[in-house]
């Protein structure tokens, strides 16, 4: 077994955004028109159904227009068609975009820079129960908690940003990041959990990568076969619920 330095675990594993930025600053990045107070500060980007009064969200399809009634977001990126139908929404600032998804991607890249590798280079905030077994040649990265009687086999990489519950079995050559795993979960050899999903948007000349900032949630008593991939959520999470059994060579995409 390897010795791990223990520090206080960071409870929240979702990445924290940079900022805040004013609406004017965001509009200059996305090249969109502002309808509302340009000096208002925005602290993050969030889905329309879970955005707070400090967040900006977006709608890229008019079929979601009714969700604007319930959102708590401070601002929303929309196209002109949506704005014309919903411009009287109280206390909501609009950025009018020809391509809301592209604008959303640009702002995500501002709040969550893709080239920021600092979180994965730090081996800190690690908590491993004394009854857990970590085999040699396994690697534990930052912001990781492994609870009672769980086993991490050789050449597996855990972290950054992982919580593993009690009595879990993680096979050889497994990679897990940005994931919360509950109790009694088995993950077989070669599986990769919590990597970026496939997200790109065309800006007219090239495809831009859309940052993936969510996590994976795996419930208790789940079995995952060998050589599977489960992508992290794009904004919130990909979820495998309690008792699910997954065969070998299965790909579960982001937000499933």
C-alpha atoms as a PDB file:
ATOM      1  CA  UNK A   1       0.000   0.000   0.000  1.00  0.00           C
ATOM      2  CA  UNK A   2       1.120   3.579  -0.661  1.00  0.00           C
ATOM      3  CA  UNK A   3       1.195   6.353   1.880  1.00  0.00           C
ATOM      4  CA  UNK A   4      -1.132   9.273   1.184  1.00  0.00           C
ATOM      5  CA  UNK A   5      -0.954  12.655   2.821  1.00  0.00           C
ATOM      6  CA  UNK A   6      -4.377  13.510   4.239  1.00  0.00           C
ATOM      7  CA  UNK A   7      -5.849  16.990   4.231  1.00  0.00           C
ATOM      8  CA  UNK A   8      -9.314  18.416   4.567  1.00  0.00           C
ATOM      9  CA  UNK A   9     -11.451  17.315   1.589  1.00  0.00           C
ATOM     10  CA  UNK A  10     -13.010  19.966  -0.597  1.00  0.00           C
ATOM     11  CA  UNK A  11     -16.686  19.045  -0.434  1.00  0.00           C
ATOM     12  CA  UNK A  12     -17.776  20.560  -3.713  1.00  0.00           C
ATOM     13  CA  UNK A  13     -16.155  18.871  -6.712  1.00  0.00           C
ATOM     14  CA  UNK A  14     -17.672  21.005  -9.446  1.00  0.00           C
ATOM     15  CA  UNK A  15     -15.157  23.489 -10.826  1.00  0.00           C
ATOM     16  CA  UNK A  16     -15.415  27.030  -9.553  1.00  0.00           C
ATOM     17  CA  UNK A  17     -15.696  29.741 -12.210  1.00  0.00           C
ATOM     18  CA  UNK A  18     -13.428  32.726 -12.586  1.00  0.00           C
ATOM     19  CA  UNK A  19     -15.008  36.133 -12.488  1.00  0.00           C
ATOM     20  CA  UNK A  20     -17.310  37.819 -11.829  1.00  0.00           C
ATOM     21  CA  UNK A  21     -17.677  39.661 -15.130  1.00  0.00           C
ATOM     22  CA  UNK A  22     -20.001  42.462 -16.106  1.00  0.00           C
ATOM     23  CA  UNK A  23     -22.641  41.942 -18.772  1.00  0.00           C
ATOM     24  CA  UNK A  24     -20.764  44.432 -20.923  1.00  0.00           C
ATOM     25  CA  UNK A  25     -17.558  42.376 -20.658  1.00  0.00           C
ATOM     26  CA  UNK A  26     -19.413  39.185 -21.572  1.00  0.00           C
ATOM     27  CA  UNK A  27     -21.124  40.827 -24.531  1.00  0.00           C
ATOM     28  CA  UNK A  28     -17.769  42.033 -25.830  1.00  0.00           C
ATOM     29  CA  UNK A  29     -16.515  38.435 -25.774  1.00  0.00           C
ATOM     30  CA  UNK A  30     -19.611  36.938 -27.419  1.00  0.00           C
ATOM     31  CA  UNK A  31     -20.216  39.922 -29.738  1.00  0.00           C
ATOM     32  CA  UNK A  32     -23.873  40.120 -28.741  1.00  0.00           C
ATOM     33  CA  UNK A  33     -26.288  42.992 -28.183  1.00  0.00           C
ATOM     34  CA  UNK A  34     -27.359  43.848 -24.628  1.00  0.00           C
ATOM     35  CA  UNK A  35     -30.911  44.504 -23.484  1.00  0.00           C
ATOM     36  CA  UNK A  36     -30.688  45.499 -19.843  1.00  0.00           C
ATOM     37  CA  UNK A  37     -28.144  46.798 -17.343  1.00  0.00           C
ATOM     38  CA  UNK A  38     -24.682  46.318 -18.848  1.00  0.00           C
ATOM     39  CA  UNK A  39     -22.967  46.876 -15.479  1.00  0.00           C
ATOM     40  CA  UNK A  40     -24.624  43.898 -13.773  1.00  0.00           C
ATOM     41  CA  UNK A  41     -22.091  41.319 -12.574  1.00  0.00           C
ATOM     42  CA  UNK A  42     -22.417  37.656 -13.586  1.00  0.00           C
ATOM     43  CA  UNK A  43     -20.718  34.959 -11.481  1.00  0.00           C
ATOM     44  CA  UNK A  44     -21.241  31.816 -13.548  1.00  0.00           C
ATOM     45  CA  UNK A  45     -22.951  29.963 -16.378  1.00  0.00           C
ATOM     46  CA  UNK A  46     -25.718  27.509 -15.494  1.00  0.00           C
ATOM     47  CA  UNK A  47     -28.586  25.491 -17.018  1.00  0.00           C
ATOM     48  CA  UNK A  48     -31.857  27.366 -17.247  1.00  0.00           C
ATOM     49  CA  UNK A  49     -33.574  25.171 -14.641  1.00  0.00           C
ATOM     50  CA  UNK A  50     -30.885  25.485 -11.965  1.00  0.00           C
ATOM     51  CA  UNK A  51     -29.398  28.941 -12.584  1.00  0.00           C
ATOM     52  CA  UNK A  52     -29.202  31.309  -9.639  1.00  0.00           C
ATOM     53  CA  UNK A  53     -29.758  35.046  -9.568  1.00  0.00           C
ATOM     54  CA  UNK A  54     -26.008  35.455 -10.176  1.00  0.00           C
ATOM     55  CA  UNK A  55     -25.835  33.298 -13.323  1.00  0.00           C
ATOM     56  CA  UNK A  56     -26.275  33.622 -17.050  1.00  0.00           C
ATOM     57  CA  UNK A  57     -28.039  30.882 -19.024  1.00  0.00           C
ATOM     58  CA  UNK A  58     -29.029  30.359 -22.661  1.00  0.00           C
ATOM     59  CA  UNK A  59     -31.786  29.090 -24.969  1.00  0.00           C
ATOM     60  CA  UNK A  60     -30.919  27.917 -28.466  1.00  0.00           C
ATOM     61  CA  UNK A  61     -34.359  26.572 -29.373  1.00  0.00           C
ATOM     62  CA  UNK A  62     -37.709  28.351 -29.159  1.00  0.00           C
ATOM     63  CA  UNK A  63     -39.371  25.198 -27.784  1.00  0.00           C
ATOM     64  CA  UNK A  64     -37.717  25.947 -24.420  1.00  0.00           C
ATOM     65  CA  UNK A  65     -39.133  29.447 -24.202  1.00  0.00           C
ATOM     66  CA  UNK A  66     -41.614  28.588 -21.434  1.00  0.00           C
ATOM     67  CA  UNK A  67     -38.720  27.689 -19.145  1.00  0.00           C
ATOM     68  CA  UNK A  68     -37.852  31.375 -19.014  1.00  0.00           C
ATOM     69  CA  UNK A  69     -40.921  31.875 -16.812  1.00  0.00           C
ATOM     70  CA  UNK A  70     -39.427  29.773 -14.040  1.00  0.00           C
ATOM     71  CA  UNK A  71     -35.716  30.516 -14.309  1.00  0.00           C
ATOM     72  CA  UNK A  72     -33.900  32.403 -11.571  1.00  0.00           C
ATOM     73  CA  UNK A  73     -31.085  33.436 -13.910  1.00  0.00           C
ATOM     74  CA  UNK A  74     -30.006  37.053 -13.972  1.00  0.00           C
ATOM     75  CA  UNK A  75     -29.320  36.988 -17.735  1.00  0.00           C
ATOM     76  CA  UNK A  76     -30.066  34.811 -20.735  1.00  0.00           C
ATOM     77  CA  UNK A  77     -28.523  34.411 -24.179  1.00  0.00           C
ATOM     78  CA  UNK A  78     -31.262  34.127 -26.816  1.00  0.00           C
ATOM     79  CA  UNK A  79     -31.800  34.701 -30.499  1.00  0.00           C
ATOM     80  CA  UNK A  80     -33.925  37.582 -31.807  1.00  0.00           C
ATOM     81  CA  UNK A  81     -36.943  35.333 -32.353  1.00  0.00           C
ATOM     82  CA  UNK A  82     -37.031  34.283 -28.700  1.00  0.00           C
ATOM     83  CA  UNK A  83     -36.428  37.833 -27.502  1.00  0.00           C
ATOM     84  CA  UNK A  84     -39.311  39.197 -29.581  1.00  0.00           C
ATOM     85  CA  UNK A  85     -41.654  36.707 -27.939  1.00  0.00           C
ATOM     86  CA  UNK A  86     -40.348  37.095 -24.411  1.00  0.00           C
ATOM     87  CA  UNK A  87     -38.809  40.529 -24.049  1.00  0.00           C
ATOM     88  CA  UNK A  88     -41.084  41.521 -21.156  1.00  0.00           C
ATOM     89  CA  UNK A  89     -39.587  39.018 -18.710  1.00  0.00           C
ATOM     90  CA  UNK A  90     -39.011  41.010 -15.518  1.00  0.00           C
ATOM     91  CA  UNK A  91     -35.528  41.377 -14.053  1.00  0.00           C
ATOM     92  CA  UNK A  92     -33.921  39.370 -16.849  1.00  0.00           C
ATOM     93  CA  UNK A  93     -31.095  40.796 -18.930  1.00  0.00           C
ATOM     94  CA  UNK A  94     -30.830  39.521 -22.505  1.00  0.00           C
ATOM     95  CA  UNK A  95     -27.868  39.015 -24.791  1.00  0.00           C
ATOM     96  CA  UNK A  96     -29.207  38.791 -28.345  1.00  0.00           C
ATOM     97  CA  UNK A  97     -27.121  36.377 -30.406  1.00  0.00           C
ATOM     98  CA  UNK A  98     -27.248  34.989 -33.931  1.00  0.00           C
ATOM     99  CA  UNK A  99     -25.965  31.716 -32.494  1.00  0.00           C
ATOM    100  CA  UNK A 100     -26.765  31.365 -28.753  1.00  0.00           C
ATOM    101  CA  UNK A 101     -24.894  28.058 -28.444  1.00  0.00           C
ATOM    102  CA  UNK A 102     -21.730  29.643 -29.841  1.00  0.00           C
ATOM    103  CA  UNK A 103     -22.087  32.597 -27.459  1.00  0.00           C
ATOM    104  CA  UNK A 104     -22.628  30.201 -24.564  1.00  0.00           C
ATOM    105  CA  UNK A 105     -19.466  28.295 -25.523  1.00  0.00           C
ATOM    106  CA  UNK A 106     -17.412  31.499 -25.672  1.00  0.00           C
ATOM    107  CA  UNK A 107     -18.585  32.575 -22.223  1.00  0.00           C
ATOM    108  CA  UNK A 108     -17.943  29.118 -20.772  1.00  0.00           C
ATOM    109  CA  UNK A 109     -14.384  29.308 -22.084  1.00  0.00           C
ATOM    110  CA  UNK A 110     -14.041  32.636 -20.282  1.00  0.00           C
ATOM    111  CA  UNK A 111     -15.412  31.395 -16.945  1.00  0.00           C
ATOM    112  CA  UNK A 112     -13.677  27.996 -17.207  1.00  0.00           C
ATOM    113  CA  UNK A 113     -10.454  28.333 -19.244  1.00  0.00           C
ATOM    114  CA  UNK A 114      -9.690  25.047 -21.008  1.00  0.00           C
ATOM    115  CA  UNK A 115      -5.931  25.477 -20.588  1.00  0.00           C
ATOM    116  CA  UNK A 116      -6.168  25.812 -16.790  1.00  0.00           C
ATOM    117  CA  UNK A 117      -4.430  22.630 -15.563  1.00  0.00           C
ATOM    118  CA  UNK A 118      -3.695  23.767 -12.025  1.00  0.00           C
ATOM    119  CA  UNK A 119      -6.370  21.601 -10.424  1.00  0.00           C
ATOM    120  CA  UNK A 120      -4.953  18.400 -11.928  1.00  0.00           C
ATOM    121  CA  UNK A 121      -1.342  19.152 -11.017  1.00  0.00           C
ATOM    122  CA  UNK A 122      -1.946  19.498  -7.280  1.00  0.00           C
ATOM    123  CA  UNK A 123      -1.764  16.363  -5.112  1.00  0.00           C
ATOM    124  CA  UNK A 124      -3.633  17.682  -2.093  1.00  0.00           C
ATOM    125  CA  UNK A 125      -6.947  17.451  -0.266  1.00  0.00           C
ATOM    126  CA  UNK A 126      -6.848  13.641  -0.104  1.00  0.00           C
ATOM    127  CA  UNK A 127      -8.734  11.568   2.469  1.00  0.00           C
ATOM    128  CA  UNK A 128      -8.507   7.768   2.468  1.00  0.00           C
ATOM    129  CA  UNK A 129     -10.035   5.578   5.157  1.00  0.00           C
ATOM    130  CA  UNK A 130      -7.505   3.338   6.890  1.00  0.00           C
ATOM    131  CA  UNK A 131      -9.476   0.227   5.888  1.00  0.00           C
ATOM    132  CA  UNK A 132      -9.336   1.065   2.167  1.00  0.00           C
ATOM    133  CA  UNK A 133      -6.742  -0.719   0.020  1.00  0.00           C
ATOM    134  CA  UNK A 134      -4.698   1.200  -2.573  1.00  0.00           C
ATOM    135  CA  UNK A 135      -2.461  -1.121  -4.575  1.00  0.00           C
ATOM    136  CA  UNK A 136       0.994  -0.057  -5.734  1.00  0.00           C
ATOM    137  CA  UNK A 137       1.218   1.837  -9.022  1.00  0.00           C
ATOM    138  CA  UNK A 138      -2.227   3.357  -8.471  1.00  0.00           C
ATOM    139  CA  UNK A 139      -2.239   7.163  -8.498  1.00  0.00           C
ATOM    140  CA  UNK A 140      -4.427   9.375  -6.319  1.00  0.00           C
ATOM    141  CA  UNK A 141      -4.753  13.005  -7.437  1.00  0.00           C
ATOM    142  CA  UNK A 142      -6.270  16.123  -5.845  1.00  0.00           C
ATOM    143  CA  UNK A 143      -9.580  16.500  -4.030  1.00  0.00           C
ATOM    144  CA  UNK A 144     -10.250  12.790  -3.482  1.00  0.00           C
ATOM    145  CA  UNK A 145     -12.040  10.885  -0.733  1.00  0.00           C
ATOM    146  CA  UNK A 146     -12.077   7.064  -0.570  1.00  0.00           C
ATOM    147  CA  UNK A 147     -14.217   5.540   2.177  1.00  0.00           C
ATOM    148  CA  UNK A 148     -14.251   2.288   4.194  1.00  0.00           C
ATOM    149  CA  UNK A 149     -13.172  -1.037   2.672  1.00  0.00           C
ATOM    150  CA  UNK A 150     -12.947   0.241  -0.896  1.00  0.00           C
ATOM    151  CA  UNK A 151     -10.240  -1.192  -3.166  1.00  0.00           C
ATOM    152  CA  UNK A 152      -8.267   0.623  -5.864  1.00  0.00           C
ATOM    153  CA  UNK A 153      -6.280  -1.777  -8.050  1.00  0.00           C
ATOM    154  CA  UNK A 154      -2.973  -1.314  -9.827  1.00  0.00           C
ATOM    155  CA  UNK A 155      -2.351   1.361 -12.477  1.00  0.00           C
ATOM    156  CA  UNK A 156      -5.675   3.077 -11.827  1.00  0.00           C
ATOM    157  CA  UNK A 157      -5.838   6.876 -11.573  1.00  0.00           C
ATOM    158  CA  UNK A 158      -8.330   8.433  -9.160  1.00  0.00           C
ATOM    159  CA  UNK A 159      -8.908  12.176  -9.368  1.00  0.00           C
ATOM    160  CA  UNK A 160      -9.032  14.985  -9.508  1.00  0.00           C
ATOM    161  CA  UNK A 161     -12.392  15.637  -7.840  1.00  0.00           C
ATOM    162  CA  UNK A 162     -13.622  12.174  -6.834  1.00  0.00           C
ATOM    163  CA  UNK A 163     -15.597  10.761  -3.913  1.00  0.00           C
ATOM    164  CA  UNK A 164     -15.765   6.949  -3.658  1.00  0.00           C
ATOM    165  CA  UNK A 165     -18.118   5.407  -1.097  1.00  0.00           C
ATOM    166  CA  UNK A 166     -17.807   2.296   1.063  1.00  0.00           C
ATOM    167  CA  UNK A 167     -17.051  -1.222  -0.152  1.00  0.00           C
ATOM    168  CA  UNK A 168     -16.347  -0.228  -3.759  1.00  0.00           C
ATOM    169  CA  UNK A 169     -14.108  -2.201  -6.103  1.00  0.00           C
ATOM    170  CA  UNK A 170     -12.128  -0.313  -8.740  1.00  0.00           C
ATOM    171  CA  UNK A 171     -10.302  -2.604 -11.178  1.00  0.00           C
ATOM    172  CA  UNK A 172      -6.930  -2.248 -12.906  1.00  0.00           C
ATOM    173  CA  UNK A 173      -6.179   0.559 -15.365  1.00  0.00           C
ATOM    174  CA  UNK A 174      -9.307   2.500 -14.445  1.00  0.00           C
ATOM    175  CA  UNK A 175      -9.424   6.298 -14.702  1.00  0.00           C
ATOM    176  CA  UNK A 176     -11.978   8.221 -12.619  1.00  0.00           C
ATOM    177  CA  UNK A 177     -12.254  12.001 -12.332  1.00  0.00           C
ATOM    178  CA  UNK A 178     -14.991  14.545 -11.566  1.00  0.00           C
ATOM    179  CA  UNK A 179     -17.208  11.818 -10.095  1.00  0.00           C
ATOM    180  CA  UNK A 180     -19.242  10.968  -6.988  1.00  0.00           C
ATOM    181  CA  UNK A 181     -19.649   7.203  -6.411  1.00  0.00           C
ATOM    182  CA  UNK A 182     -21.902   5.817  -3.681  1.00  0.00           C
ATOM    183  CA  UNK A 183     -21.508   2.476  -1.863  1.00  0.00           C
ATOM    184  CA  UNK A 184     -20.996  -1.079  -3.183  1.00  0.00           C
ATOM    185  CA  UNK A 185     -20.025  -0.096  -6.725  1.00  0.00           C
ATOM    186  CA  UNK A 186     -17.888  -2.342  -8.938  1.00  0.00           C
ATOM    187  CA  UNK A 187     -15.911  -0.862 -11.828  1.00  0.00           C
ATOM    188  CA  UNK A 188     -14.057  -3.354 -14.023  1.00  0.00           C
ATOM    189  CA  UNK A 189     -10.687  -2.998 -15.761  1.00  0.00           C
ATOM    190  CA  UNK A 190     -10.021  -0.300 -18.320  1.00  0.00           C
ATOM    191  CA  UNK A 191     -13.107   1.820 -17.682  1.00  0.00           C
ATOM    192  CA  UNK A 192     -12.886   5.617 -17.858  1.00  0.00           C
ATOM    193  CA  UNK A 193     -15.337   7.773 -15.900  1.00  0.00           C
ATOM    194  CA  UNK A 194     -15.639  11.551 -15.754  1.00  0.00           C
ATOM    195  CA  UNK A 195     -13.704  12.640 -18.824  1.00  0.00           C
ATOM    196  CA  UNK A 196     -14.961  15.376 -21.140  1.00  0.00           C
ATOM    197  CA  UNK A 197     -17.960  14.696 -23.324  1.00  0.00           C
ATOM    198  CA  UNK A 198     -17.955  15.418 -27.045  1.00  0.00           C
ATOM    199  CA  UNK A 199     -18.905  19.095 -27.302  1.00  0.00           C
ATOM    200  CA  UNK A 200     -17.963  21.417 -30.164  1.00  0.00           C
ATOM    201  CA  UNK A 201     -19.539  24.399 -31.869  1.00  0.00           C
ATOM    202  CA  UNK A 202     -18.703  25.833 -35.311  1.00  0.00           C
ATOM    203  CA  UNK A 203     -17.868  29.550 -35.316  1.00  0.00           C
ATOM    204  CA  UNK A 204     -17.878  29.920 -39.107  1.00  0.00           C
ATOM    205  CA  UNK A 205     -14.249  28.952 -39.628  1.00  0.00           C
ATOM    206  CA  UNK A 206     -13.382  26.267 -37.085  1.00  0.00           C
ATOM    207  CA  UNK A 207     -14.862  24.025 -34.388  1.00  0.00           C
ATOM    208  CA  UNK A 208     -14.426  25.360 -30.855  1.00  0.00           C
ATOM    209  CA  UNK A 209     -14.344  22.954 -27.931  1.00  0.00           C
ATOM    210  CA  UNK A 210     -17.164  23.604 -25.466  1.00  0.00           C
ATOM    211  CA  UNK A 211     -15.831  23.273 -21.896  1.00  0.00           C
ATOM    212  CA  UNK A 212     -17.330  20.361 -19.964  1.00  0.00           C
ATOM    213  CA  UNK A 213     -17.632  21.429 -16.331  1.00  0.00           C
ATOM    214  CA  UNK A 214     -20.119  18.969 -14.823  1.00  0.00           C
ATOM    215  CA  UNK A 215     -19.635  15.687 -12.995  1.00  0.00           C
ATOM    216  CA  UNK A 216     -20.748  12.038 -12.973  1.00  0.00           C
ATOM    217  CA  UNK A 217     -23.031  10.684 -10.236  1.00  0.00           C
ATOM    218  CA  UNK A 218     -23.123   6.912  -9.672  1.00  0.00           C
ATOM    219  CA  UNK A 219     -25.595   5.412  -7.217  1.00  0.00           C
ATOM    220  CA  UNK A 220     -25.147   2.452  -4.878  1.00  0.00           C
ATOM    221  CA  UNK A 221     -24.972  -1.189  -6.020  1.00  0.00           C
ATOM    222  CA  UNK A 222     -23.961  -0.313  -9.592  1.00  0.00           C
ATOM    223  CA  UNK A 223     -21.824  -2.659 -11.683  1.00  0.00           C
ATOM    224  CA  UNK A 224     -19.863  -1.237 -14.620  1.00  0.00           C
ATOM    225  CA  UNK A 225     -18.124  -3.565 -17.068  1.00  0.00           C
ATOM    226  CA  UNK A 226     -14.673  -3.418 -18.616  1.00  0.00           C
ATOM    227  CA  UNK A 227     -13.574  -0.747 -21.085  1.00  0.00           C
ATOM    228  CA  UNK A 228     -16.633   1.459 -20.638  1.00  0.00           C
ATOM    229  CA  UNK A 229     -16.665   5.255 -20.820  1.00  0.00           C
ATOM    230  CA  UNK A 230     -18.999   7.542 -18.897  1.00  0.00           C
ATOM    231  CA  UNK A 231     -18.616  11.224 -19.772  1.00  0.00           C
ATOM    232  CA  UNK A 232     -19.014  14.004 -17.237  1.00  0.00           C
ATOM    233  CA  UNK A 233     -21.957  16.358 -17.626  1.00  0.00           C
ATOM    234  CA  UNK A 234     -21.532  19.426 -19.751  1.00  0.00           C
ATOM    235  CA  UNK A 235     -22.937  21.769 -17.069  1.00  0.00           C
ATOM    236  CA  UNK A 236     -24.579  19.576 -14.414  1.00  0.00           C
ATOM    237  CA  UNK A 237     -24.144  15.807 -14.315  1.00  0.00           C
ATOM    238  CA  UNK A 238     -24.382  12.460 -16.025  1.00  0.00           C
ATOM    239  CA  UNK A 239     -26.186  10.056 -13.696  1.00  0.00           C
ATOM    240  CA  UNK A 240     -26.126   6.282 -13.299  1.00  0.00           C
ATOM    241  CA  UNK A 241     -28.780   5.476 -10.714  1.00  0.00           C
ATOM    242  CA  UNK A 242     -28.929   2.866  -7.952  1.00  0.00           C
ATOM    243  CA  UNK A 243     -28.690  -0.762  -9.027  1.00  0.00           C
ATOM    244  CA  UNK A 244     -27.841  -0.222 -12.707  1.00  0.00           C
ATOM    245  CA  UNK A 245     -25.773  -2.947 -14.427  1.00  0.00           C
ATOM    246  CA  UNK A 246     -23.665  -1.981 -17.460  1.00  0.00           C
ATOM    247  CA  UNK A 247     -21.968  -4.510 -19.777  1.00  0.00           C
ATOM    248  CA  UNK A 248     -18.487  -4.184 -21.310  1.00  0.00           C
ATOM    249  CA  UNK A 249     -17.651  -1.643 -24.017  1.00  0.00           C
ATOM    250  CA  UNK A 250     -20.550   0.725 -23.288  1.00  0.00           C
ATOM    251  CA  UNK A 251     -20.346   4.480 -23.866  1.00  0.00           C
ATOM    252  CA  UNK A 252     -22.608   6.703 -21.769  1.00  0.00           C
ATOM    253  CA  UNK A 253     -22.477  10.245 -23.165  1.00  0.00           C
ATOM    254  CA  UNK A 254     -22.613  13.538 -21.278  1.00  0.00           C
ATOM    255  CA  UNK A 255     -25.895  14.532 -19.600  1.00  0.00           C
ATOM    256  CA  UNK A 256     -27.445  11.039 -19.892  1.00  0.00           C
END
